[in-house]
Amino acid sequence: MQWLLYPLAVLAGLSNPVQSASNAGLNKTLGQVVLAALVIYGVALAGLLACAPFLGVSLRGVGGKLAEAPWWAWVGGLCNLCFVLTAALCTQKIGSAMFTVTVACSAVVLSIVLDRFGVMGLEEHPITWMRLLGGAMAVGGIALVSLS
């Protein structure tokens, strides 16, 4: 079943530019980025609530488990909020391709650093020449996309 994780990751990657474009369109329509974000999270919450019964979600003991979470485990929601607001504000101005490759490049570079030091509970992975080359190619990709 682990092989299924890779197509799911591809699906998540494909949804990224679609999400950015739809967030930007909603922001343009509503004219207020915070209002757009509230609608986006409202739709997401409704979707989660609709999926919950099919995924066997149980809220028993959640409070205790949340109390055990390290401080950095709470940062993900704020990072997602930052992404949603930034996508809504920037995508139409700089274009979907430029926004997406900038996000992807930034993610690759930071991922290499997080992996190197095993930050936030990740397993440590050394910085290799292949990883550095991949990061450099991501940066080069931004340059190529921005020139067109």
N, C-alpha and C. Protein backbone atom coordinates (compact mmCIF):
# COMPACT_ATOMS: atom_id res chain seq x y z
N MET A 1 0.81 -1.20 0.00
CA MET A 1 0.00 0.00 0.00
C MET A 1 0.85 1.26 0.00
N GLN A 2 2.14 1.16 0.35
CA GLN A 2 2.97 2.35 0.39
C GLN A 2 3.14 2.97 -0.99
N TRP A 3 3.05 2.19 -2.04
CA TRP A 3 3.19 2.71 -3.40
C TRP A 3 2.11 3.75 -3.68
N LEU A 4 0.96 3.63 -3.02
CA LEU A 4 -0.14 4.56 -3.21
C LEU A 4 0.21 5.98 -2.74
N LEU A 5 1.18 6.09 -1.85
CA LEU A 5 1.57 7.40 -1.33
C LEU A 5 2.17 8.29 -2.43
N TYR A 6 2.85 7.69 -3.39
CA TYR A 6 3.48 8.49 -4.45
C TYR A 6 2.46 9.12 -5.40
N PRO A 7 1.48 8.36 -5.88
CA PRO A 7 0.44 9.03 -6.68
C PRO A 7 -0.33 10.09 -5.89
N LEU A 8 -0.53 9.85 -4.60
CA LEU A 8 -1.19 10.86 -3.78
C LEU A 8 -0.34 12.13 -3.68
N ALA A 9 0.98 11.97 -3.56
CA ALA A 9 1.87 13.13 -3.53
C ALA A 9 1.83 13.88 -4.86
N VAL A 10 1.76 13.14 -5.97
CA VAL A 10 1.63 13.78 -7.29
C VAL A 10 0.31 14.55 -7.36
N LEU A 11 -0.75 13.94 -6.87
CA LEU A 11 -2.05 14.62 -6.85
C LEU A 11 -1.99 15.90 -6.03
N ALA A 12 -1.32 15.85 -4.88
CA ALA A 12 -1.16 17.05 -4.05
C ALA A 12 -0.37 18.12 -4.81
N GLY A 13 0.67 17.69 -5.51
CA GLY A 13 1.46 18.64 -6.30
C GLY A 13 0.65 19.25 -7.42
N LEU A 14 -0.17 18.46 -8.08
CA LEU A 14 -1.01 18.97 -9.15
C LEU A 14 -2.07 19.93 -8.62
N SER A 15 -2.52 19.69 -7.40
CA SER A 15 -3.55 20.56 -6.83
C SER A 15 -3.00 21.91 -6.42
N ASN A 16 -1.69 22.01 -6.24
CA ASN A 16 -1.09 23.25 -5.77
C ASN A 16 -1.36 24.44 -6.68
N PRO A 17 -1.05 24.39 -7.99
CA PRO A 17 -1.34 25.54 -8.84
C PRO A 17 -2.85 25.78 -9.02
N VAL A 18 -3.64 24.72 -8.97
CA VAL A 18 -5.09 24.89 -9.06
C VAL A 18 -5.59 25.63 -7.82
N GLN A 19 -5.09 25.24 -6.66
CA GLN A 19 -5.46 25.91 -5.41
C GLN A 19 -5.06 27.38 -5.46
N SER A 20 -3.84 27.66 -5.91
CA SER A 20 -3.37 29.05 -5.96
C SER A 20 -4.23 29.89 -6.88
N ALA A 21 -4.55 29.35 -8.05
CA ALA A 21 -5.37 30.10 -9.01
C ALA A 21 -6.78 30.32 -8.48
N SER A 22 -7.36 29.30 -7.87
CA SER A 22 -8.72 29.46 -7.35
C SER A 22 -8.74 30.43 -6.17
N ASN A 23 -7.72 30.38 -5.31
CA ASN A 23 -7.62 31.33 -4.20
C ASN A 23 -7.52 32.76 -4.72
N ALA A 24 -6.70 32.95 -5.77
CA ALA A 24 -6.54 34.28 -6.35
C ALA A 24 -7.84 34.77 -6.97
N GLY A 25 -8.55 33.87 -7.65
CA GLY A 25 -9.83 34.24 -8.25
C GLY A 25 -10.86 34.63 -7.20
N LEU A 26 -10.89 33.90 -6.11
CA LEU A 26 -11.82 34.22 -5.03
C LEU A 26 -11.46 35.57 -4.41
N ASN A 27 -10.17 35.82 -4.23
CA ASN A 27 -9.72 37.10 -3.70
C ASN A 27 -10.11 38.25 -4.63
N LYS A 28 -9.96 38.04 -5.94
CA LYS A 28 -10.32 39.07 -6.91
C LYS A 28 -11.82 39.34 -6.87
N THR A 29 -12.61 38.29 -6.78
CA THR A 29 -14.07 38.43 -6.74
C THR A 29 -14.54 39.14 -5.48
N LEU A 30 -13.98 38.73 -4.33
CA LEU A 30 -14.43 39.29 -3.05
C LEU A 30 -13.74 40.61 -2.71
N GLY A 31 -12.54 40.79 -3.24
CA GLY A 31 -11.82 42.04 -3.00
C GLY A 31 -11.21 42.18 -1.62
N GLN A 32 -11.23 41.11 -0.85
CA GLN A 32 -10.66 41.13 0.50
C GLN A 32 -10.01 39.78 0.77
N VAL A 33 -8.70 39.79 0.92
CA VAL A 33 -7.97 38.54 1.05
C VAL A 33 -8.37 37.77 2.32
N VAL A 34 -8.65 38.46 3.40
CA VAL A 34 -9.03 37.76 4.64
C VAL A 34 -10.41 37.11 4.47
N LEU A 35 -11.32 37.80 3.82
CA LEU A 35 -12.64 37.22 3.56
C LEU A 35 -12.50 36.00 2.65
N ALA A 36 -11.65 36.12 1.63
CA ALA A 36 -11.41 34.97 0.74
C ALA A 36 -10.85 33.79 1.54
N ALA A 37 -9.91 34.05 2.44
CA ALA A 37 -9.34 32.98 3.26
C ALA A 37 -10.40 32.34 4.15
N LEU A 38 -11.29 33.14 4.70
CA LEU A 38 -12.37 32.59 5.53
C LEU A 38 -13.26 31.65 4.71
N VAL A 39 -13.57 32.03 3.48
CA VAL A 39 -14.38 31.16 2.61
C VAL A 39 -13.61 29.89 2.28
N ILE A 40 -12.32 30.04 1.96
CA ILE A 40 -11.48 28.88 1.62
C ILE A 40 -11.45 27.88 2.78
N TYR A 41 -11.22 28.38 3.99
CA TYR A 41 -11.17 27.48 5.15
C TYR A 41 -12.55 26.94 5.51
N GLY A 42 -13.60 27.70 5.24
CA GLY A 42 -14.95 27.19 5.45
C GLY A 42 -15.25 26.01 4.55
N VAL A 43 -14.86 26.14 3.29
CA VAL A 43 -15.05 25.03 2.33
C VAL A 43 -14.21 23.83 2.75
N ALA A 44 -12.97 24.09 3.17
CA ALA A 44 -12.10 23.00 3.61
C ALA A 44 -12.67 22.29 4.84
N LEU A 45 -13.18 23.06 5.79
CA LEU A 45 -13.77 22.47 6.98
C LEU A 45 -15.00 21.63 6.63
N ALA A 46 -15.83 22.14 5.74
CA ALA A 46 -17.00 21.37 5.31
C ALA A 46 -16.57 20.06 4.65
N GLY A 47 -15.53 20.13 3.83
CA GLY A 47 -15.01 18.93 3.18
C GLY A 47 -14.47 17.92 4.18
N LEU A 48 -13.74 18.41 5.18
CA LEU A 48 -13.22 17.51 6.22
C LEU A 48 -14.35 16.86 7.00
N LEU A 49 -15.34 17.64 7.36
CA LEU A 49 -16.48 17.09 8.10
C LEU A 49 -17.22 16.05 7.27
N ALA A 50 -17.33 16.26 5.96
CA ALA A 50 -18.00 15.29 5.10
C ALA A 50 -17.19 13.99 4.97
N CYS A 51 -15.87 14.10 4.99
CA CYS A 51 -15.00 12.92 4.85
C CYS A 51 -14.84 12.14 6.15
N ALA A 52 -14.96 12.83 7.28
CA ALA A 52 -14.66 12.23 8.59
C ALA A 52 -15.34 10.88 8.83
N PRO A 53 -16.65 10.75 8.57
CA PRO A 53 -17.28 9.45 8.85
C PRO A 53 -16.71 8.30 8.02
N PHE A 54 -16.23 8.61 6.81
CA PHE A 54 -15.71 7.57 5.93
C PHE A 54 -14.26 7.20 6.26
N LEU A 55 -13.61 8.05 7.04
CA LEU A 55 -12.21 7.81 7.40
C LEU A 55 -12.06 7.28 8.82
N GLY A 56 -13.18 7.00 9.47
CA GLY A 56 -13.14 6.44 10.82
C GLY A 56 -12.59 7.40 11.86
N VAL A 57 -12.88 8.67 11.73
CA VAL A 57 -12.37 9.68 12.65
C VAL A 57 -13.08 9.56 14.00
N SER A 58 -12.29 9.51 15.05
CA SER A 58 -12.82 9.49 16.41
C SER A 58 -12.20 10.65 17.18
N LEU A 59 -13.02 11.40 17.87
CA LEU A 59 -12.53 12.54 18.64
C LEU A 59 -12.21 12.19 20.09
N ARG A 60 -12.36 10.93 20.44
CA ARG A 60 -12.07 10.50 21.81
C ARG A 60 -10.58 10.65 22.11
N GLY A 61 -10.29 11.30 23.20
CA GLY A 61 -8.91 11.44 23.65
C GLY A 61 -8.07 12.44 22.87
N VAL A 62 -8.70 13.18 21.97
CA VAL A 62 -7.94 14.12 21.14
C VAL A 62 -7.32 15.22 22.00
N GLY A 63 -8.06 15.70 23.00
CA GLY A 63 -7.55 16.78 23.84
C GLY A 63 -6.22 16.43 24.49
N GLY A 64 -6.14 15.23 25.04
CA GLY A 64 -4.89 14.79 25.67
C GLY A 64 -3.76 14.65 24.68
N LYS A 65 -4.08 14.13 23.50
CA LYS A 65 -3.05 13.99 22.47
C LYS A 65 -2.54 15.34 21.99
N LEU A 66 -3.45 16.30 21.85
CA LEU A 66 -3.04 17.65 21.42
C LEU A 66 -2.12 18.28 22.45
N ALA A 67 -2.38 18.04 23.72
CA ALA A 67 -1.55 18.61 24.78
C ALA A 67 -0.13 18.05 24.72
N GLU A 68 0.04 16.84 24.17
CA GLU A 68 1.36 16.21 24.09
C GLU A 68 2.16 16.66 22.87
N ALA A 69 1.52 17.35 21.93
CA ALA A 69 2.20 17.76 20.69
C ALA A 69 3.28 18.78 20.99
N PRO A 70 4.45 18.65 20.34
CA PRO A 70 5.50 19.66 20.54
C PRO A 70 5.06 21.01 19.97
N TRP A 71 5.70 22.07 20.41
CA TRP A 71 5.30 23.42 20.00
C TRP A 71 5.31 23.59 18.49
N TRP A 72 6.30 22.97 17.82
CA TRP A 72 6.43 23.18 16.38
C TRP A 72 5.34 22.46 15.58
N ALA A 73 4.61 21.54 16.22
CA ALA A 73 3.54 20.84 15.51
C ALA A 73 2.37 21.76 15.21
N TRP A 74 2.30 22.89 15.91
CA TRP A 74 1.20 23.84 15.71
C TRP A 74 1.50 24.82 14.58
N VAL A 75 2.71 24.84 14.09
CA VAL A 75 3.12 25.82 13.08
C VAL A 75 2.49 25.51 11.71
N GLY A 76 2.15 24.27 11.45
CA GLY A 76 1.62 23.88 10.14
C GLY A 76 0.39 24.66 9.72
N GLY A 77 -0.52 24.88 10.65
CA GLY A 77 -1.72 25.65 10.32
C GLY A 77 -1.39 27.08 9.93
N LEU A 78 -0.44 27.68 10.65
CA LEU A 78 -0.02 29.04 10.31
C LEU A 78 0.70 29.08 8.96
N CYS A 79 1.49 28.05 8.69
CA CYS A 79 2.15 27.97 7.38
C CYS A 79 1.12 27.86 6.26
N ASN A 80 0.09 27.06 6.48
CA ASN A 80 -0.96 26.93 5.48
C ASN A 80 -1.69 28.24 5.29
N LEU A 81 -1.96 28.95 6.37
CA LEU A 81 -2.60 30.26 6.27
C LEU A 81 -1.72 31.22 5.48
N CYS A 82 -0.44 31.21 5.75
CA CYS A 82 0.51 32.05 5.00
C CYS A 82 0.45 31.72 3.51
N PHE A 83 0.43 30.43 3.18
CA PHE A 83 0.36 30.01 1.79
C PHE A 83 -0.93 30.49 1.13
N VAL A 84 -2.05 30.28 1.79
CA VAL A 84 -3.35 30.66 1.22
C VAL A 84 -3.43 32.16 0.98
N LEU A 85 -3.04 32.94 1.97
CA LEU A 85 -3.08 34.39 1.80
C LEU A 85 -2.13 34.86 0.71
N THR A 86 -0.92 34.31 0.69
CA THR A 86 0.07 34.71 -0.31
C THR A 86 -0.38 34.30 -1.70
N ALA A 87 -0.91 33.10 -1.85
CA ALA A 87 -1.39 32.66 -3.16
C ALA A 87 -2.51 33.55 -3.65
N ALA A 88 -3.43 33.90 -2.76
CA ALA A 88 -4.56 34.74 -3.14
C ALA A 88 -4.09 36.13 -3.57
N LEU A 89 -3.04 36.63 -2.94
CA LEU A 89 -2.54 37.96 -3.27
C LEU A 89 -1.62 38.00 -4.48
N CYS A 90 -0.82 36.96 -4.68
CA CYS A 90 0.28 37.01 -5.65
C CYS A 90 0.03 36.32 -6.99
N THR A 91 -0.73 35.25 -7.01
CA THR A 91 -0.80 34.40 -8.20
C THR A 91 -1.25 35.15 -9.44
N GLN A 92 -2.28 35.97 -9.34
CA GLN A 92 -2.74 36.69 -10.53
C GLN A 92 -1.74 37.75 -10.97
N LYS A 93 -0.98 38.28 -10.04
CA LYS A 93 -0.02 39.34 -10.39
C LYS A 93 1.26 38.79 -11.02
N ILE A 94 1.78 37.70 -10.46
CA ILE A 94 3.05 37.18 -10.99
C ILE A 94 2.84 35.95 -11.88
N GLY A 95 1.64 35.42 -11.91
CA GLY A 95 1.34 34.26 -12.74
C GLY A 95 1.45 32.96 -11.95
N SER A 96 0.67 31.98 -12.38
CA SER A 96 0.64 30.70 -11.69
C SER A 96 1.98 29.98 -11.77
N ALA A 97 2.61 30.00 -12.95
CA ALA A 97 3.88 29.29 -13.11
C ALA A 97 4.96 29.89 -12.21
N MET A 98 5.08 31.21 -12.22
CA MET A 98 6.12 31.84 -11.40
C MET A 98 5.86 31.63 -9.93
N PHE A 99 4.61 31.76 -9.51
CA PHE A 99 4.29 31.52 -8.10
C PHE A 99 4.61 30.08 -7.72
N THR A 100 4.18 29.14 -8.54
CA THR A 100 4.36 27.72 -8.21
C THR A 100 5.83 27.32 -8.18
N VAL A 101 6.62 27.76 -9.16
CA VAL A 101 8.04 27.38 -9.13
C VAL A 101 8.78 28.06 -7.99
N THR A 102 8.37 29.27 -7.62
CA THR A 102 9.00 29.94 -6.48
C THR A 102 8.68 29.18 -5.20
N VAL A 103 7.43 28.79 -5.05
CA VAL A 103 7.03 28.00 -3.88
C VAL A 103 7.78 26.67 -3.86
N ALA A 104 7.82 26.00 -5.00
CA ALA A 104 8.47 24.69 -5.07
C ALA A 104 9.97 24.81 -4.79
N CYS A 105 10.61 25.82 -5.36
CA CYS A 105 12.04 26.01 -5.14
C CYS A 105 12.33 26.27 -3.67
N SER A 106 11.55 27.16 -3.07
CA SER A 106 11.72 27.46 -1.65
C SER A 106 11.53 26.20 -0.81
N ALA A 107 10.54 25.41 -1.17
CA ALA A 107 10.25 24.18 -0.44
C ALA A 107 11.40 23.18 -0.56
N VAL A 108 11.97 23.06 -1.75
CA VAL A 108 13.08 22.12 -1.96
C VAL A 108 14.29 22.54 -1.14
N VAL A 109 14.64 23.82 -1.20
CA VAL A 109 15.81 24.29 -0.47
C VAL A 109 15.64 24.10 1.03
N LEU A 110 14.48 24.51 1.57
CA LEU A 110 14.26 24.35 3.01
C LEU A 110 14.18 22.87 3.39
N SER A 111 13.60 22.04 2.53
CA SER A 111 13.51 20.61 2.81
C SER A 111 14.88 19.98 2.95
N ILE A 112 15.82 20.40 2.11
CA ILE A 112 17.18 19.88 2.20
C ILE A 112 17.79 20.23 3.56
N VAL A 113 17.57 21.44 4.01
CA VAL A 113 18.09 21.88 5.31
C VAL A 113 17.40 21.14 6.46
N LEU A 114 16.07 21.04 6.41
CA LEU A 114 15.33 20.33 7.47
C LEU A 114 15.78 18.87 7.55
N ASP A 115 15.93 18.23 6.39
CA ASP A 115 16.39 16.84 6.37
C ASP A 115 17.81 16.70 6.93
N ARG A 116 18.66 17.64 6.58
CA ARG A 116 20.06 17.56 7.02
C ARG A 116 20.15 17.52 8.54
N PHE A 117 19.37 18.36 9.20
CA PHE A 117 19.46 18.48 10.65
C PHE A 117 18.39 17.67 11.39
N GLY A 118 17.52 16.98 10.67
CA GLY A 118 16.48 16.19 11.32
C GLY A 118 15.55 17.04 12.17
N VAL A 119 15.24 18.22 11.65
CA VAL A 119 14.41 19.18 12.39
C VAL A 119 12.96 18.71 12.41
N MET A 120 12.25 19.06 13.47
CA MET A 120 10.82 18.81 13.61
C MET A 120 10.47 17.32 13.54
N GLY A 121 11.31 16.50 14.08
CA GLY A 121 11.04 15.07 14.16
C GLY A 121 11.34 14.29 12.89
N LEU A 122 11.93 14.94 11.89
CA LEU A 122 12.28 14.24 10.65
C LEU A 122 13.54 13.41 10.85
N GLU A 123 13.67 12.36 10.05
CA GLU A 123 14.91 11.59 10.04
C GLU A 123 15.99 12.42 9.37
N GLU A 124 17.22 12.29 9.86
CA GLU A 124 18.33 13.02 9.25
C GLU A 124 18.72 12.37 7.93
N HIS A 125 18.95 13.23 6.94
CA HIS A 125 19.46 12.81 5.64
C HIS A 125 20.59 13.76 5.28
N PRO A 126 21.75 13.22 4.95
CA PRO A 126 22.89 14.11 4.67
C PRO A 126 22.67 14.92 3.40
N ILE A 127 23.36 16.07 3.35
CA ILE A 127 23.34 16.87 2.13
C ILE A 127 24.36 16.25 1.18
N THR A 128 23.87 15.72 0.09
CA THR A 128 24.74 15.09 -0.91
C THR A 128 24.86 15.99 -2.12
N TRP A 129 25.78 15.64 -3.00
CA TRP A 129 25.94 16.41 -4.24
C TRP A 129 24.67 16.34 -5.08
N MET A 130 24.00 15.21 -5.06
CA MET A 130 22.76 15.08 -5.83
C MET A 130 21.67 16.00 -5.28
N ARG A 131 21.57 16.08 -3.96
CA ARG A 131 20.58 16.99 -3.36
C ARG A 131 20.92 18.44 -3.66
N LEU A 132 22.20 18.78 -3.58
CA LEU A 132 22.61 20.15 -3.90
C LEU A 132 22.35 20.47 -5.36
N LEU A 133 22.63 19.52 -6.24
CA LEU A 133 22.37 19.71 -7.67
C LEU A 133 20.87 19.90 -7.91
N GLY A 134 20.06 19.10 -7.25
CA GLY A 134 18.60 19.24 -7.38
C GLY A 134 18.12 20.60 -6.90
N GLY A 135 18.65 21.08 -5.78
CA GLY A 135 18.29 22.41 -5.29
C GLY A 135 18.71 23.49 -6.27
N ALA A 136 19.91 23.35 -6.82
CA ALA A 136 20.39 24.33 -7.80
C ALA A 136 19.53 24.31 -9.06
N MET A 137 19.10 23.12 -9.46
CA MET A 137 18.23 23.03 -10.64
C MET A 137 16.88 23.70 -10.37
N ALA A 138 16.38 23.59 -9.14
CA ALA A 138 15.12 24.25 -8.79
C ALA A 138 15.28 25.77 -8.90
N VAL A 139 16.39 26.29 -8.39
CA VAL A 139 16.67 27.72 -8.50
C VAL A 139 16.81 28.11 -9.97
N GLY A 140 17.50 27.29 -10.74
CA GLY A 140 17.63 27.55 -12.18
C GLY A 140 16.28 27.54 -12.88
N GLY A 141 15.39 26.68 -12.45
CA GLY A 141 14.05 26.62 -13.02
C GLY A 141 13.29 27.93 -12.83
N ILE A 142 13.46 28.54 -11.67
CA ILE A 142 12.82 29.84 -11.43
C ILE A 142 13.35 30.86 -12.42
N ALA A 143 14.67 30.85 -12.60
CA ALA A 143 15.27 31.81 -13.53
C ALA A 143 14.72 31.61 -14.94
N LEU A 144 14.60 30.36 -15.37
CA LEU A 144 14.08 30.08 -16.72
C LEU A 144 12.63 30.50 -16.87
N VAL A 145 11.81 30.20 -15.87
CA VAL A 145 10.40 30.56 -15.93
C VAL A 145 10.24 32.08 -15.91
N SER A 146 11.06 32.77 -15.13
CA SER A 146 10.91 34.23 -15.02
C SER A 146 11.37 34.95 -16.28
N LEU A 147 12.20 34.31 -17.08
CA LEU A 147 12.68 34.93 -18.32
C LEU A 147 11.66 34.88 -19.44
N SER A 148 10.69 33.99 -19.33
CA SER A 148 9.73 33.85 -20.43
C SER A 148 8.55 34.77 -20.30
